[in-house]
Amino acid sequence: MTNNRRVQNIVLIALFTALTFSGTMIKIPLPTGAFIHFGNAMVLLAVLLVGYWQGALAGGLGFFIFDILNGFAAEAPYFLVESFVVGAAAYAGFLIFHKKPTHASQIMLIGVMAGIAKFIMSVIKATVMAVIAGADVEPAFFAALATMPATVINIFSTIFIVTLVFFPLRRAMHLIFHNQPQ
């Protein structure tokens, strides 16, 4: 890998880390105490636009920094791991289309795959946290399911946002990075 390519990768990871952090800062509070945010959309875009490892790392770092700075330090490592799991689901969908989706419906399918992974990870996290707090597994699982409306809303907003902006951003990145003198 040339130095220019390495620098470009570092810059893109930093950019998507900042976008994930910023997207998570834009919160719409819900009556349950949870909130809707746009960080998940930034992670999905990062994975689709710069690749699995770089995108998942950028997303995980963005969430990690957000959690550390906003009173969720205990959850920071979990969201770093979750970014790689959800990113893997998204990237698997991306590979189905040979990394070249051409229709919004394909982006939606990739978003649904990432959303299913996000939902499963969220239920597992909430269940484990309740069990650690002393609940039995079955009640903990059903209590975890009861907290999922905010996650589902985040999933649908992520699918919507990414479907809207993926193609224009992919084109812009192509113009920026492929139409330069070497």
C-alpha atoms as a PDB file:
ATOM      1  CA  MET A   1       0.000   0.000   0.000  1.00  0.00           C
ATOM      2  CA  THR A   2       1.428   3.376  -0.948  1.00  0.00           C
ATOM      3  CA  ASN A   3       1.802   6.182   1.554  1.00  0.00           C
ATOM      4  CA  ASN A   4      -0.952   8.153  -0.192  1.00  0.00           C
ATOM      5  CA  ARG A   5      -3.353   5.215   0.190  1.00  0.00           C
ATOM      6  CA  ARG A   6      -2.437   4.798   3.875  1.00  0.00           C
ATOM      7  CA  VAL A   7      -2.998   8.473   4.554  1.00  0.00           C
ATOM      8  CA  GLN A   8      -6.301   8.322   2.677  1.00  0.00           C
ATOM      9  CA  ASN A   9      -7.432   5.344   4.809  1.00  0.00           C
ATOM     10  CA  ILE A  10      -6.461   7.089   8.042  1.00  0.00           C
ATOM     11  CA  VAL A  11      -8.293  10.242   6.973  1.00  0.00           C
ATOM     12  CA  LEU A  12     -11.430   8.289   6.010  1.00  0.00           C
ATOM     13  CA  ILE A  13     -11.412   6.384   9.304  1.00  0.00           C
ATOM     14  CA  ALA A  14     -11.045   9.677  11.189  1.00  0.00           C
ATOM     15  CA  LEU A  15     -13.773  11.302   9.092  1.00  0.00           C
ATOM     16  CA  PHE A  16     -16.273   8.497   9.667  1.00  0.00           C
ATOM     17  CA  THR A  17     -15.326   8.338  13.356  1.00  0.00           C
ATOM     18  CA  ALA A  18     -16.206  12.026  13.623  1.00  0.00           C
ATOM     19  CA  LEU A  19     -19.398  11.552  11.604  1.00  0.00           C
ATOM     20  CA  THR A  20     -20.483   8.630  13.800  1.00  0.00           C
ATOM     21  CA  PHE A  21     -19.763  10.631  16.942  1.00  0.00           C
ATOM     22  CA  SER A  22     -21.607  13.679  15.551  1.00  0.00           C
ATOM     23  CA  GLY A  23     -24.505  11.570  14.280  1.00  0.00           C
ATOM     24  CA  THR A  24     -24.895  10.040  17.727  1.00  0.00           C
ATOM     25  CA  MET A  25     -24.847  13.507  19.306  1.00  0.00           C
ATOM     26  CA  ILE A  26     -27.917  14.445  17.266  1.00  0.00           C
ATOM     27  CA  LYS A  27     -30.439  12.812  19.575  1.00  0.00           C
ATOM     28  CA  ILE A  28     -34.192  12.753  19.524  1.00  0.00           C
ATOM     29  CA  PRO A  29     -35.286  11.724  23.030  1.00  0.00           C
ATOM     30  CA  LEU A  30     -38.071   9.217  23.560  1.00  0.00           C
ATOM     31  CA  PRO A  31     -40.331   9.006  26.628  1.00  0.00           C
ATOM     32  CA  THR A  32     -38.616   5.741  27.624  1.00  0.00           C
ATOM     33  CA  GLY A  33     -35.311   7.507  28.249  1.00  0.00           C
ATOM     34  CA  ALA A  34     -33.802   6.059  25.078  1.00  0.00           C
ATOM     35  CA  PHE A  35     -33.133   8.212  22.059  1.00  0.00           C
ATOM     36  CA  ILE A  36     -33.088   8.067  18.293  1.00  0.00           C
ATOM     37  CA  HIS A  37     -29.799   9.090  16.691  1.00  0.00           C
ATOM     38  CA  PHE A  38     -28.003   9.021  13.350  1.00  0.00           C
ATOM     39  CA  GLY A  39     -24.770   7.298  14.400  1.00  0.00           C
ATOM     40  CA  ASN A  40     -25.900   3.926  13.067  1.00  0.00           C
ATOM     41  CA  ALA A  41     -26.431   5.429   9.619  1.00  0.00           C
ATOM     42  CA  MET A  42     -22.869   6.766   9.669  1.00  0.00           C
ATOM     43  CA  VAL A  43     -21.497   3.329  10.586  1.00  0.00           C
ATOM     44  CA  LEU A  44     -23.423   1.656   7.768  1.00  0.00           C
ATOM     45  CA  LEU A  45     -22.264   4.300   5.293  1.00  0.00           C
ATOM     46  CA  ALA A  46     -18.677   3.894   6.490  1.00  0.00           C
ATOM     47  CA  VAL A  47     -18.778   0.126   5.962  1.00  0.00           C
ATOM     48  CA  LEU A  48     -20.313   0.492   2.505  1.00  0.00           C
ATOM     49  CA  LEU A  49     -18.097   3.363   1.339  1.00  0.00           C
ATOM     50  CA  VAL A  50     -14.673   2.596   2.809  1.00  0.00           C
ATOM     51  CA  GLY A  51     -14.810  -1.126   3.550  1.00  0.00           C
ATOM     52  CA  TYR A  52     -15.617  -3.470   6.387  1.00  0.00           C
ATOM     53  CA  TRP A  53     -12.580  -3.125   8.635  1.00  0.00           C
ATOM     54  CA  GLN A  54     -12.113   0.614   8.216  1.00  0.00           C
ATOM     55  CA  GLY A  55     -15.844   1.364   8.407  1.00  0.00           C
ATOM     56  CA  ALA A  56     -16.509  -0.829  11.439  1.00  0.00           C
ATOM     57  CA  LEU A  57     -13.445   0.572  13.195  1.00  0.00           C
ATOM     58  CA  ALA A  58     -14.533   4.142  12.456  1.00  0.00           C
ATOM     59  CA  GLY A  59     -18.062   3.447  13.683  1.00  0.00           C
ATOM     60  CA  GLY A  60     -16.874   1.651  16.776  1.00  0.00           C
ATOM     61  CA  LEU A  61     -14.463   4.447  17.641  1.00  0.00           C
ATOM     62  CA  GLY A  62     -17.174   7.065  17.090  1.00  0.00           C
ATOM     63  CA  PHE A  63     -19.549   5.234  19.433  1.00  0.00           C
ATOM     64  CA  PHE A  64     -16.723   4.579  21.923  1.00  0.00           C
ATOM     65  CA  ILE A  65     -15.790   8.255  22.097  1.00  0.00           C
ATOM     66  CA  PHE A  66     -19.454   9.272  22.397  1.00  0.00           C
ATOM     67  CA  ASP A  67     -20.005   6.841  25.269  1.00  0.00           C
ATOM     68  CA  ILE A  68     -16.851   7.917  27.124  1.00  0.00           C
ATOM     69  CA  LEU A  69     -17.763  11.614  26.849  1.00  0.00           C
ATOM     70  CA  ASN A  70     -21.466  11.243  27.663  1.00  0.00           C
ATOM     71  CA  GLY A  71     -21.619   9.107  30.788  1.00  0.00           C
ATOM     72  CA  PHE A  72     -21.909   5.680  29.145  1.00  0.00           C
ATOM     73  CA  ALA A  73     -18.302   4.551  29.685  1.00  0.00           C
ATOM     74  CA  ALA A  74     -19.357   1.092  30.864  1.00  0.00           C
ATOM     75  CA  GLU A  75     -21.066   0.489  27.509  1.00  0.00           C
ATOM     76  CA  ALA A  76     -18.247   1.823  25.314  1.00  0.00           C
ATOM     77  CA  PRO A  77     -16.474  -1.534  24.718  1.00  0.00           C
ATOM     78  CA  TYR A  78     -19.761  -3.210  23.819  1.00  0.00           C
ATOM     79  CA  PHE A  79     -20.523  -0.679  21.072  1.00  0.00           C
ATOM     80  CA  LEU A  80     -17.039  -1.089  19.649  1.00  0.00           C
ATOM     81  CA  VAL A  81     -17.729  -4.833  19.285  1.00  0.00           C
ATOM     82  CA  GLU A  82     -21.281  -4.245  18.046  1.00  0.00           C
ATOM     83  CA  SER A  83     -19.992  -2.056  15.219  1.00  0.00           C
ATOM     84  CA  PHE A  84     -17.950  -4.979  13.915  1.00  0.00           C
ATOM     85  CA  VAL A  85     -20.855  -7.448  14.211  1.00  0.00           C
ATOM     86  CA  VAL A  86     -23.402  -5.153  12.550  1.00  0.00           C
ATOM     87  CA  GLY A  87     -20.779  -4.081  10.018  1.00  0.00           C
ATOM     88  CA  ALA A  88     -20.160  -7.741   9.144  1.00  0.00           C
ATOM     89  CA  ALA A  89     -23.872  -8.287   8.501  1.00  0.00           C
ATOM     90  CA  ALA A  90     -23.972  -5.197   6.289  1.00  0.00           C
ATOM     91  CA  TYR A  91     -20.829  -6.192   4.455  1.00  0.00           C
ATOM     92  CA  ALA A  92     -22.226  -9.684   3.832  1.00  0.00           C
ATOM     93  CA  GLY A  93     -25.190  -8.005   2.152  1.00  0.00           C
ATOM     94  CA  PHE A  94     -22.827  -5.765   0.226  1.00  0.00           C
ATOM     95  CA  LEU A  95     -20.949  -8.823  -1.038  1.00  0.00           C
ATOM     96  CA  ILE A  96     -24.208 -10.341  -2.306  1.00  0.00           C
ATOM     97  CA  PHE A  97     -24.241  -7.478  -4.822  1.00  0.00           C
ATOM     98  CA  HIS A  98     -20.497  -7.846  -5.525  1.00  0.00           C
ATOM     99  CA  LYS A  99     -19.832  -4.514  -3.760  1.00  0.00           C
ATOM    100  CA  LYS A 100     -21.711  -2.697  -6.526  1.00  0.00           C
ATOM    101  CA  PRO A 101     -25.364  -2.245  -5.572  1.00  0.00           C
ATOM    102  CA  THR A 102     -27.252  -0.418  -8.299  1.00  0.00           C
ATOM    103  CA  HIS A 103     -30.747   0.055  -6.849  1.00  0.00           C
ATOM    104  CA  ALA A 104     -32.180   1.565  -3.699  1.00  0.00           C
ATOM    105  CA  SER A 105     -33.894  -1.752  -2.962  1.00  0.00           C
ATOM    106  CA  GLN A 106     -30.454  -3.385  -2.706  1.00  0.00           C
ATOM    107  CA  ILE A 107     -29.309  -0.787  -0.191  1.00  0.00           C
ATOM    108  CA  MET A 108     -32.531  -1.367   1.733  1.00  0.00           C
ATOM    109  CA  LEU A 109     -31.820  -5.118   1.847  1.00  0.00           C
ATOM    110  CA  ILE A 110     -28.298  -4.446   3.131  1.00  0.00           C
ATOM    111  CA  GLY A 111     -29.824  -2.116   5.736  1.00  0.00           C
ATOM    112  CA  VAL A 112     -32.315  -4.779   6.788  1.00  0.00           C
ATOM    113  CA  MET A 113     -29.494  -7.299   7.232  1.00  0.00           C
ATOM    114  CA  ALA A 114     -27.565  -4.805   9.369  1.00  0.00           C
ATOM    115  CA  GLY A 115     -30.777  -3.968  11.233  1.00  0.00           C
ATOM    116  CA  ILE A 116     -31.439  -7.597  12.112  1.00  0.00           C
ATOM    117  CA  ALA A 117     -27.903  -7.896  13.487  1.00  0.00           C
ATOM    118  CA  LYS A 118     -28.373  -4.657  15.457  1.00  0.00           C
ATOM    119  CA  PHE A 119     -31.670  -5.900  16.894  1.00  0.00           C
ATOM    120  CA  ILE A 120     -30.199  -9.250  17.932  1.00  0.00           C
ATOM    121  CA  MET A 121     -27.151  -7.601  19.497  1.00  0.00           C
ATOM    122  CA  SER A 122     -29.357  -5.129  21.379  1.00  0.00           C
ATOM    123  CA  VAL A 123     -31.599  -7.883  22.760  1.00  0.00           C
ATOM    124  CA  ILE A 124     -28.571  -9.925  23.833  1.00  0.00           C
ATOM    125  CA  LYS A 125     -26.999  -6.895  25.525  1.00  0.00           C
ATOM    126  CA  ALA A 126     -30.172  -5.929  27.377  1.00  0.00           C
ATOM    127  CA  THR A 127     -30.803  -9.518  28.443  1.00  0.00           C
ATOM    128  CA  VAL A 128     -27.249 -10.023  29.715  1.00  0.00           C
ATOM    129  CA  MET A 129     -27.343  -6.710  31.598  1.00  0.00           C
ATOM    130  CA  ALA A 130     -30.602  -7.708  33.310  1.00  0.00           C
ATOM    131  CA  VAL A 131     -29.215 -11.139  34.214  1.00  0.00           C
ATOM    132  CA  ILE A 132     -26.100  -9.506  35.658  1.00  0.00           C
ATOM    133  CA  ALA A 133     -28.403  -7.264  37.694  1.00  0.00           C
ATOM    134  CA  GLY A 134     -30.053 -10.391  39.154  1.00  0.00           C
ATOM    135  CA  ALA A 135     -32.996 -11.217  36.887  1.00  0.00           C
ATOM    136  CA  ASP A 136     -33.744 -14.703  35.637  1.00  0.00           C
ATOM    137  CA  VAL A 137     -33.036 -15.274  31.953  1.00  0.00           C
ATOM    138  CA  GLU A 138     -36.622 -15.563  30.696  1.00  0.00           C
ATOM    139  CA  PRO A 139     -37.953 -12.387  32.365  1.00  0.00           C
ATOM    140  CA  ALA A 140     -34.736 -10.596  31.376  1.00  0.00           C
ATOM    141  CA  PHE A 141     -35.264 -11.591  27.750  1.00  0.00           C
ATOM    142  CA  PHE A 142     -38.868 -10.358  27.687  1.00  0.00           C
ATOM    143  CA  ALA A 143     -37.905  -7.146  29.458  1.00  0.00           C
ATOM    144  CA  ALA A 144     -35.184  -6.677  26.818  1.00  0.00           C
ATOM    145  CA  LEU A 145     -37.760  -7.085  24.051  1.00  0.00           C
ATOM    146  CA  ALA A 146     -39.910  -4.419  25.707  1.00  0.00           C
ATOM    147  CA  THR A 147     -37.047  -1.910  25.364  1.00  0.00           C
ATOM    148  CA  MET A 148     -36.605  -2.462  21.626  1.00  0.00           C
ATOM    149  CA  PRO A 149     -38.968   0.166  20.129  1.00  0.00           C
ATOM    150  CA  ALA A 150     -36.198   2.790  20.110  1.00  0.00           C
ATOM    151  CA  THR A 151     -33.849   0.298  18.464  1.00  0.00           C
ATOM    152  CA  VAL A 152     -36.432  -0.522  15.801  1.00  0.00           C
ATOM    153  CA  ILE A 153     -36.986   3.187  15.108  1.00  0.00           C
ATOM    154  CA  ASN A 154     -33.206   3.663  14.831  1.00  0.00           C
ATOM    155  CA  ILE A 155     -33.023   0.731  12.418  1.00  0.00           C
ATOM    156  CA  PHE A 156     -35.726   2.145  10.132  1.00  0.00           C
ATOM    157  CA  SER A 157     -34.259   5.655  10.218  1.00  0.00           C
ATOM    158  CA  THR A 158     -30.841   4.185   9.366  1.00  0.00           C
ATOM    159  CA  ILE A 159     -32.235   2.275   6.397  1.00  0.00           C
ATOM    160  CA  PHE A 160     -34.035   5.393   5.155  1.00  0.00           C
ATOM    161  CA  ILE A 161     -31.032   7.724   5.514  1.00  0.00           C
ATOM    162  CA  VAL A 162     -28.517   5.325   3.992  1.00  0.00           C
ATOM    163  CA  THR A 163     -30.832   4.548   1.077  1.00  0.00           C
ATOM    164  CA  LEU A 164     -31.149   8.283   0.368  1.00  0.00           C
ATOM    165  CA  VAL A 165     -27.493   9.234   0.544  1.00  0.00           C
ATOM    166  CA  PHE A 166     -25.462   6.149  -0.422  1.00  0.00           C
ATOM    167  CA  PHE A 167     -25.470   6.630  -4.198  1.00  0.00           C
ATOM    168  CA  PRO A 168     -24.661  10.388  -4.179  1.00  0.00           C
ATOM    169  CA  LEU A 169     -21.887   9.841  -1.612  1.00  0.00           C
ATOM    170  CA  ARG A 170     -20.435   6.901  -3.528  1.00  0.00           C
ATOM    171  CA  ARG A 171     -20.354   9.020  -6.682  1.00  0.00           C
ATOM    172  CA  ALA A 172     -18.763  11.959  -4.869  1.00  0.00           C
ATOM    173  CA  MET A 173     -16.103   9.728  -3.309  1.00  0.00           C
ATOM    174  CA  HIS A 174     -15.393   8.180  -6.694  1.00  0.00           C
ATOM    175  CA  LEU A 175     -14.934  11.622  -8.245  1.00  0.00           C
ATOM    176  CA  ILE A 176     -12.719  12.799  -5.397  1.00  0.00           C
ATOM    177  CA  PHE A 177     -10.483   9.755  -5.072  1.00  0.00           C
ATOM    178  CA  HIS A 178     -10.326   8.392  -8.612  1.00  0.00           C
ATOM    179  CA  ASN A 179     -10.064  11.545 -10.699  1.00  0.00           C
ATOM    180  CA  GLN A 180      -6.830  12.830  -9.170  1.00  0.00           C
ATOM    181  CA  PRO A 181      -3.363  13.001 -10.623  1.00  0.00           C
ATOM    182  CA  GLN A 182      -1.103  10.338  -9.113  1.00  0.00           C
END
